[in-house]
N, C-alpha and C. Protein backbone atom coordinates (compact mmCIF):
# COMPACT_ATOMS: atom_id res chain seq x y z
N UNK A 1 -17.51 1.05 -4.24
CA UNK A 1 -16.44 1.66 -4.71
C UNK A 1 -15.21 1.10 -4.12
N UNK A 2 -14.07 0.96 -4.70
CA UNK A 2 -12.82 0.25 -4.25
C UNK A 2 -11.95 1.47 -4.37
N UNK A 3 -10.73 1.48 -3.34
CA UNK A 3 -9.74 2.63 -3.68
C UNK A 3 -8.55 1.94 -3.23
N UNK A 4 -7.69 1.62 -4.36
CA UNK A 4 -6.42 0.99 -4.11
C UNK A 4 -5.45 2.15 -4.27
N UNK A 5 -4.59 2.20 -3.08
CA UNK A 5 -3.46 3.03 -3.20
C UNK A 5 -2.12 2.55 -3.74
N UNK A 6 -1.58 3.09 -4.70
CA UNK A 6 -0.35 2.56 -5.26
C UNK A 6 0.75 3.06 -4.75
N UNK A 7 0.98 4.30 -4.08
CA UNK A 7 2.19 4.84 -3.38
C UNK A 7 1.92 6.14 -2.35
N UNK A 8 2.70 6.58 -2.33
CA UNK A 8 2.69 7.67 -0.95
C UNK A 8 4.06 8.22 -0.85
N UNK A 9 4.11 8.89 0.32
CA UNK A 9 5.43 9.40 0.72
C UNK A 9 5.77 8.97 1.94
N UNK A 10 6.98 9.46 2.14
CA UNK A 10 7.35 8.84 3.54
C UNK A 10 6.72 9.66 4.67
N UNK A 11 6.33 10.87 4.72
CA UNK A 11 5.81 11.64 5.68
C UNK A 11 4.36 11.36 6.10
N UNK A 12 3.85 10.41 5.19
CA UNK A 12 2.55 10.01 5.47
C UNK A 12 2.38 9.01 6.53
N UNK A 13 3.78 8.71 7.19
CA UNK A 13 3.57 7.76 8.21
C UNK A 13 4.02 8.39 9.44
N UNK A 14 4.22 9.83 9.22
CA UNK A 14 4.57 10.63 10.64
C UNK A 14 3.43 10.84 11.58
N UNK A 15 3.64 10.50 12.79
CA UNK A 15 2.53 10.24 13.71
C UNK A 15 2.32 11.72 14.03
N UNK A 16 3.06 12.89 13.79
CA UNK A 16 2.60 14.07 14.02
C UNK A 16 1.72 14.43 13.04
N UNK A 17 1.84 14.00 11.77
CA UNK A 17 0.70 14.45 10.70
C UNK A 17 -0.40 13.50 10.79
N UNK A 18 -0.56 12.15 11.24
CA UNK A 18 -1.59 11.24 11.21
C UNK A 18 -2.32 11.34 12.53
N UNK A 19 -1.69 11.69 13.55
CA UNK A 19 -2.18 11.71 14.79
C UNK A 19 -2.63 10.48 15.37
N UNK A 20 -1.97 9.15 14.84
CA UNK A 20 -2.06 7.76 15.22
C UNK A 20 -0.95 7.23 16.09
N UNK A 21 -1.24 6.56 17.21
CA UNK A 21 -0.13 6.12 17.96
C UNK A 21 0.56 5.08 16.67
N UNK A 22 1.74 5.35 16.78
CA UNK A 22 2.56 4.30 16.12
C UNK A 22 3.74 3.50 16.80
N UNK A 23 3.31 2.10 17.00
CA UNK A 23 4.22 1.29 17.97
C UNK A 23 5.32 0.59 17.05
N UNK A 24 5.70 1.07 15.87
CA UNK A 24 6.63 0.44 14.84
C UNK A 24 7.66 1.66 14.36
N UNK A 25 8.86 1.36 13.88
CA UNK A 25 9.50 2.27 13.13
C UNK A 25 9.33 1.88 11.51
N UNK A 26 8.70 2.83 10.68
CA UNK A 26 8.92 2.64 9.26
C UNK A 26 9.94 2.35 8.62
N UNK A 27 10.08 1.11 8.05
CA UNK A 27 11.30 1.18 7.07
C UNK A 27 10.99 1.02 5.69
N UNK A 28 11.04 2.15 4.79
CA UNK A 28 10.68 2.28 3.72
C UNK A 28 11.43 1.61 2.41
N UNK A 29 12.53 0.92 3.13
CA UNK A 29 13.71 0.28 1.98
C UNK A 29 12.86 -0.65 1.20
N UNK A 30 13.03 -0.66 0.16
CA UNK A 30 12.42 -1.83 -0.84
C UNK A 30 13.54 -2.65 -1.21
N UNK A 31 14.48 -2.73 -0.62
CA UNK A 31 15.83 -3.55 -1.02
C UNK A 31 15.58 -4.84 -1.27
N UNK A 32 14.48 -5.53 -0.33
CA UNK A 32 14.10 -6.97 -0.41
C UNK A 32 12.68 -7.05 -1.27
N UNK A 33 12.16 -6.08 -1.97
CA UNK A 33 11.03 -6.07 -2.36
C UNK A 33 10.77 -7.28 -3.71
N UNK A 34 9.78 -7.98 -3.73
CA UNK A 34 9.55 -8.97 -4.59
C UNK A 34 8.06 -8.90 -4.81
N UNK A 35 7.98 -9.10 -6.34
CA UNK A 35 6.66 -9.18 -6.64
C UNK A 35 5.67 -10.23 -6.17
N UNK A 36 4.36 -9.71 -5.79
CA UNK A 36 3.35 -10.65 -5.30
C UNK A 36 3.06 -12.00 -5.99
N UNK A 37 2.84 -12.98 -5.28
CA UNK A 37 2.78 -14.13 -6.18
C UNK A 37 1.48 -14.38 -7.16
N UNK A 38 1.24 -14.72 -8.13
CA UNK A 38 -0.10 -14.57 -8.75
C UNK A 38 -1.27 -15.34 -8.01
N UNK A 39 -2.37 -14.94 -8.00
CA UNK A 39 -3.22 -15.42 -7.25
C UNK A 39 -3.54 -14.86 -5.76
N UNK A 40 -2.79 -13.78 -5.56
CA UNK A 40 -2.74 -13.19 -4.19
C UNK A 40 -3.77 -12.11 -4.05
N UNK A 41 -4.58 -11.78 -2.92
CA UNK A 41 -5.78 -10.85 -2.81
C UNK A 41 -5.08 -9.60 -3.16
N UNK A 42 -3.89 -9.13 -3.24
CA UNK A 42 -3.70 -7.77 -3.66
C UNK A 42 -3.79 -7.93 -5.01
N UNK A 43 -3.29 -8.87 -5.78
CA UNK A 43 -3.63 -8.96 -7.01
C UNK A 43 -4.91 -8.75 -7.62
N UNK A 44 -5.70 -9.69 -6.98
CA UNK A 44 -6.73 -10.05 -7.53
C UNK A 44 -7.75 -8.33 -7.16
N UNK A 45 -7.49 -7.82 -6.01
CA UNK A 45 -8.06 -6.35 -5.84
C UNK A 45 -7.72 -5.29 -6.98
N UNK A 46 -6.27 -5.32 -7.41
CA UNK A 46 -6.03 -4.44 -8.28
C UNK A 46 -6.65 -4.80 -9.93
N UNK A 47 -6.83 -6.10 -10.13
CA UNK A 47 -7.62 -6.69 -11.16
C UNK A 47 -8.96 -5.94 -11.32
N UNK A 48 -9.54 -5.98 -10.00
CA UNK A 48 -10.99 -5.63 -9.93
C UNK A 48 -11.03 -4.08 -10.26
N UNK A 49 -10.22 -3.46 -9.52
CA UNK A 49 -9.88 -2.07 -9.78
C UNK A 49 -10.07 -1.64 -11.07
N UNK A 50 -9.01 -2.36 -11.92
CA UNK A 50 -8.78 -1.89 -13.20
C UNK A 50 -9.86 -2.29 -14.03
N UNK A 51 -10.39 -3.54 -13.66
CA UNK A 51 -11.86 -3.77 -14.49
C UNK A 51 -12.88 -2.91 -14.61
N UNK A 52 -13.07 -2.37 -13.16
CA UNK A 52 -14.30 -1.27 -12.69
C UNK A 52 -14.09 -0.08 -13.67
N UNK A 53 -12.63 0.53 -13.75
CA UNK A 53 -12.34 1.80 -14.51
C UNK A 53 -12.45 1.48 -15.79
N UNK A 54 -12.49 0.76 -16.45
CA UNK A 54 -12.29 0.29 -18.04
C UNK A 54 -13.72 0.60 -18.60
């Protein structure tokens, strides 16, 4: 089984909820977002997920 997370909320990174030690500040900004290049592992994983559920 492959699980691929497509989105979430800002709160999911809250250490009080995750109980995980966080050593960085989450920056949810998508101002510099660019699509991944063709052939990267994320794209391949998404293709496998879509193929599996079709």
